[in-house]
C-alpha atoms as a PDB file:
ATOM      1  CA  MET A   1       8.291   8.880  15.381  1.00  0.00           C
ATOM      2  CA  LYS A   2       8.589   9.519  11.814  1.00  0.00           C
ATOM      3  CA  ALA A   3       8.643   6.625   8.828  1.00  0.00           C
ATOM      4  CA  VAL A   4       8.530   6.647   5.447  1.00  0.00           C
ATOM      5  CA  LEU A   5       5.677   3.826   3.604  1.00  0.00           C
ATOM      6  CA  TYR A   6       6.059   2.728  -0.034  1.00  0.00           C
ATOM      7  CA  ALA A   7       2.979   0.181  -0.622  1.00  0.00           C
ATOM      8  CA  ASP A   8       2.511  -1.325  -3.498  1.00  0.00           C
ATOM      9  CA  GLY A   9      -0.052  -4.009  -5.274  1.00  0.00           C
ATOM     10  CA  GLY A  10      -0.236  -5.832  -7.990  1.00  0.00           C
ATOM     11  CA  SER A  11      -2.213  -8.470 -10.377  1.00  0.00           C
ATOM     12  CA  ARG A  12      -1.050 -10.865 -13.191  1.00  0.00           C
ATOM     13  CA  GLY A  13      -4.013 -10.206 -15.044  1.00  0.00           C
ATOM     14  CA  ASN A  14      -6.880  -8.099 -13.797  1.00  0.00           C
ATOM     15  CA  PRO A  15      -8.643 -10.324 -12.397  1.00  0.00           C
ATOM     16  CA  GLY A  16      -5.944 -12.336 -11.245  1.00  0.00           C
ATOM     17  CA  PRO A  17      -4.239 -13.963  -8.888  1.00  0.00           C
ATOM     18  CA  ALA A  18      -3.149 -10.528  -7.183  1.00  0.00           C
ATOM     19  CA  ALA A  19      -0.669  -9.248  -3.553  1.00  0.00           C
ATOM     20  CA  TYR A  20       0.869  -6.416  -1.885  1.00  0.00           C
ATOM     21  CA  GLY A  21       3.902  -5.611  -0.750  1.00  0.00           C
ATOM     22  CA  ALA A  22       4.821  -2.392   1.472  1.00  0.00           C
ATOM     23  CA  VAL A  23       8.118  -1.403   3.519  1.00  0.00           C
ATOM     24  CA  LEU A  24       8.567   0.964   6.207  1.00  0.00           C
ATOM     25  CA  PHE A  25      11.644   3.356   6.689  1.00  0.00           C
ATOM     26  CA  ASP A  26      12.337   5.260   9.886  1.00  0.00           C
ATOM     27  CA  ALA A  27      13.639   8.707   9.413  1.00  0.00           C
ATOM     28  CA  ASN A  28      17.562   6.981   9.002  1.00  0.00           C
ATOM     29  CA  GLY A  29      16.885   5.160   6.141  1.00  0.00           C
ATOM     30  CA  GLU A  30      17.208   1.588   8.422  1.00  0.00           C
ATOM     31  CA  THR A  31      13.912  -0.920   6.963  1.00  0.00           C
ATOM     32  CA  LEU A  32      11.431  -0.892  10.122  1.00  0.00           C
ATOM     33  CA  ARG A  33       9.580  -4.291   8.343  1.00  0.00           C
ATOM     34  CA  GLU A  34       8.766  -5.588   5.144  1.00  0.00           C
ATOM     35  CA  ILE A  35       4.935  -6.874   4.649  1.00  0.00           C
ATOM     36  CA  SER A  36       3.685  -8.876   1.827  1.00  0.00           C
ATOM     37  CA  ASP A  37       0.310 -11.100   1.518  1.00  0.00           C
ATOM     38  CA  PHE A  38      -0.880 -12.953  -1.452  1.00  0.00           C
ATOM     39  CA  LEU A  39      -4.327 -12.167  -1.663  1.00  0.00           C
ATOM     40  CA  GLY A  40      -5.932 -15.000  -4.219  1.00  0.00           C
ATOM     41  CA  VAL A  41      -7.323 -13.697  -6.966  1.00  0.00           C
ATOM     42  CA  SER A  42      -8.502 -10.095  -7.095  1.00  0.00           C
ATOM     43  CA  THR A  43      -7.992  -6.624  -8.612  1.00  0.00           C
ATOM     44  CA  ASN A  44      -4.912  -4.307  -9.489  1.00  0.00           C
ATOM     45  CA  ASN A  45      -7.186  -1.763  -7.370  1.00  0.00           C
ATOM     46  CA  VAL A  46      -7.992  -3.891  -4.311  1.00  0.00           C
ATOM     47  CA  ALA A  47      -3.692  -5.286  -4.124  1.00  0.00           C
ATOM     48  CA  GLU A  48      -3.027  -1.555  -4.138  1.00  0.00           C
ATOM     49  CA  TRP A  49      -5.788  -0.922  -1.142  1.00  0.00           C
ATOM     50  CA  SER A  50      -4.696  -3.859   0.475  1.00  0.00           C
ATOM     51  CA  GLY A  51      -0.962  -2.955   0.704  1.00  0.00           C
ATOM     52  CA  LEU A  52      -1.457   0.439   1.891  1.00  0.00           C
ATOM     53  CA  ILE A  53      -3.742  -0.708   4.960  1.00  0.00           C
ATOM     54  CA  ALA A  54      -1.572  -3.160   5.545  1.00  0.00           C
ATOM     55  CA  GLY A  55       1.711  -0.521   6.110  1.00  0.00           C
ATOM     56  CA  LEU A  56      -0.412   1.738   7.913  1.00  0.00           C
ATOM     57  CA  GLU A  57      -1.676  -1.066  10.503  1.00  0.00           C
ATOM     58  CA  ALA A  58       2.572  -1.727  10.587  1.00  0.00           C
ATOM     59  CA  ALA A  59       3.492   1.473  11.120  1.00  0.00           C
ATOM     60  CA  LEU A  60       0.577   2.583  13.931  1.00  0.00           C
ATOM     61  CA  GLU A  61       1.833  -1.338  15.402  1.00  0.00           C
ATOM     62  CA  LEU A  62       5.185  -0.053  15.189  1.00  0.00           C
ATOM     63  CA  GLY A  63       4.099   3.745  17.516  1.00  0.00           C
ATOM     64  CA  VAL A  64       4.581   5.412  14.029  1.00  0.00           C
ATOM     65  CA  ASP A  65       3.165   8.705  15.140  1.00  0.00           C
ATOM     66  CA  GLU A  66       4.890  10.709  11.412  1.00  0.00           C
ATOM     67  CA  LEU A  67       4.413   9.080   8.501  1.00  0.00           C
ATOM     68  CA  GLU A  68       4.873   9.717   4.986  1.00  0.00           C
ATOM     69  CA  VAL A  69       3.338   7.363   2.524  1.00  0.00           C
ATOM     70  CA  ARG A  70       4.178   6.841  -0.543  1.00  0.00           C
ATOM     71  CA  LEU A  71       2.944   5.599  -3.315  1.00  0.00           C
ATOM     72  CA  ASP A  72       3.105   4.410  -7.368  1.00  0.00           C
ATOM     73  CA  SER A  73      -0.560   4.547  -7.641  1.00  0.00           C
ATOM     74  CA  GLU A  74      -1.749   7.489  -9.139  1.00  0.00           C
ATOM     75  CA  LEU A  75      -5.796   6.262  -9.143  1.00  0.00           C
ATOM     76  CA  VAL A  76      -5.675   5.938  -5.302  1.00  0.00           C
ATOM     77  CA  VAL A  77      -3.764   8.694  -4.238  1.00  0.00           C
ATOM     78  CA  ARG A  78      -6.190  10.952  -5.814  1.00  0.00           C
ATOM     79  CA  GLN A  79      -8.991   9.107  -4.447  1.00  0.00           C
ATOM     80  CA  LEU A  80      -6.855   9.670  -0.884  1.00  0.00           C
ATOM     81  CA  SER A  81      -7.091  13.056  -1.808  1.00  0.00           C
ATOM     82  CA  GLY A  82     -10.502  13.456  -2.250  1.00  0.00           C
ATOM     83  CA  VAL A  83      -9.895  14.239  -6.593  1.00  0.00           C
ATOM     84  CA  TYR A  84     -11.412  11.321  -7.751  1.00  0.00           C
ATOM     85  CA  ARG A  85     -14.730   9.526  -6.036  1.00  0.00           C
ATOM     86  CA  VAL A  86     -14.638   5.982  -5.655  1.00  0.00           C
ATOM     87  CA  LYS A  87     -16.976   4.456  -7.709  1.00  0.00           C
ATOM     88  CA  GLN A  88     -16.534   0.616  -7.320  1.00  0.00           C
ATOM     89  CA  ALA A  89     -18.706  -0.748  -4.986  1.00  0.00           C
ATOM     90  CA  HIS A  90     -15.816  -3.280  -3.421  1.00  0.00           C
ATOM     91  CA  LEU A  91     -13.364  -0.462  -2.677  1.00  0.00           C
ATOM     92  CA  ILE A  92     -15.422   2.092  -0.885  1.00  0.00           C
ATOM     93  CA  PRO A  93     -14.945  -0.218   2.381  1.00  0.00           C
ATOM     94  CA  LEU A  94     -11.060  -0.481   1.739  1.00  0.00           C
ATOM     95  CA  HIS A  95     -10.520   3.588   0.988  1.00  0.00           C
ATOM     96  CA  ALA A  96     -12.545   4.087   3.868  1.00  0.00           C
ATOM     97  CA  LYS A  97     -10.172   1.489   5.966  1.00  0.00           C
ATOM     98  CA  ALA A  98      -6.952   3.906   4.617  1.00  0.00           C
ATOM     99  CA  LYS A  99      -9.092   6.981   5.573  1.00  0.00           C
ATOM    100  CA  SER A 100      -9.931   6.188   9.635  1.00  0.00           C
ATOM    101  CA  LEU A 101      -5.767   4.822   9.972  1.00  0.00           C
ATOM    102  CA  LEU A 102      -4.447   7.760   7.963  1.00  0.00           C
ATOM    103  CA  ARG A 103      -6.960   9.716  10.788  1.00  0.00           C
ATOM    104  CA  ARG A 104      -4.596   7.931  13.480  1.00  0.00           C
ATOM    105  CA  PHE A 105      -1.611   9.466  12.949  1.00  0.00           C
ATOM    106  CA  SER A 106      -1.148  13.243  14.543  1.00  0.00           C
ATOM    107  CA  HIS A 107       0.127  14.000  10.684  1.00  0.00           C
ATOM    108  CA  SER A 108       0.530  12.268   7.616  1.00  0.00           C
ATOM    109  CA  ARG A 109       1.166  12.192   3.657  1.00  0.00           C
ATOM    110  CA  VAL A 110       0.811  10.842   0.924  1.00  0.00           C
ATOM    111  CA  ALA A 111       2.571  11.413  -2.354  1.00  0.00           C
ATOM    112  CA  HIS A 112       2.492   9.766  -6.056  1.00  0.00           C
ATOM    113  CA  VAL A 113       6.083   8.543  -6.641  1.00  0.00           C
ATOM    114  CA  ARG A 114       7.274   7.117  -9.852  1.00  0.00           C
ATOM    115  CA  ARG A 115       7.137   3.576  -9.762  1.00  0.00           C
ATOM    116  CA  ALA A 116      11.169   3.223 -10.450  1.00  0.00           C
ATOM    117  CA  LEU A 117      11.079   4.860  -6.897  1.00  0.00           C
ATOM    118  CA  ASN A 118       8.568   2.343  -5.663  1.00  0.00           C
ATOM    119  CA  LYS A 119      11.276  -0.364  -6.280  1.00  0.00           C
ATOM    120  CA  GLU A 120      11.232  -1.833  -2.295  1.00  0.00           C
ATOM    121  CA  ALA A 121       7.189  -2.437  -2.152  1.00  0.00           C
ATOM    122  CA  ASP A 122       6.913  -3.484  -5.783  1.00  0.00           C
ATOM    123  CA  LYS A 123       9.495  -6.523  -5.435  1.00  0.00           C
ATOM    124  CA  LEU A 124       7.647  -8.070  -2.581  1.00  0.00           C
ATOM    125  CA  VAL A 125       4.675  -8.006  -5.142  1.00  0.00           C
ATOM    126  CA  ASN A 126       6.627  -9.745  -7.085  1.00  0.00           C
ATOM    127  CA  GLN A 127       8.175 -12.637  -4.566  1.00  0.00           C
ATOM    128  CA  VAL A 128       4.667 -13.445  -4.002  1.00  0.00           C
ATOM    129  CA  LEU A 129       3.412 -13.268  -6.854  1.00  0.00           C
ATOM    130  CA  ASP A 130       6.247 -15.667  -8.031  1.00  0.00           C
ATOM    131  CA  ALA A 131       5.824 -17.784  -5.495  1.00  0.00           C
ATOM    132  CA  HIS A 132       2.366 -18.601  -6.560  1.00  0.00           C
ATOM    133  CA  ALA A 133       2.822 -18.953 -10.130  1.00  0.00           C
ATOM    134  CA  GLY A 134       1.705 -22.573 -11.234  1.00  0.00           C
ATOM    135  CA  LYS A 135      -0.122 -23.165  -7.639  1.00  0.00           C
END
């Protein structure tokens, strides 16, 4: 099965309250699954990686074998492709997990998209953060 994954993460403050969101679509553009969660106090980069990992895990659970990943984090895309090194020690395990999950697909491609094209995943992030505001 082919699918497209949009994933995002964010924090209000860096670090600050953080969350991620991911949306999987089938080849016809129908939503297969939406995933989001609150991470507590964390950084934007941890949230971005967490959204990607949650989306990859969901795709594998659903039996997706060909996956197009679209992220608005240029940093994560470039780190996955090897253009940039992952320098922060706390991000290295997240990078390794994402790479390991990507290898489980028969075909995968990771691409950067502008934030405006990642609005479904971004919306999930903000819904989670709004729900936890002031708590």
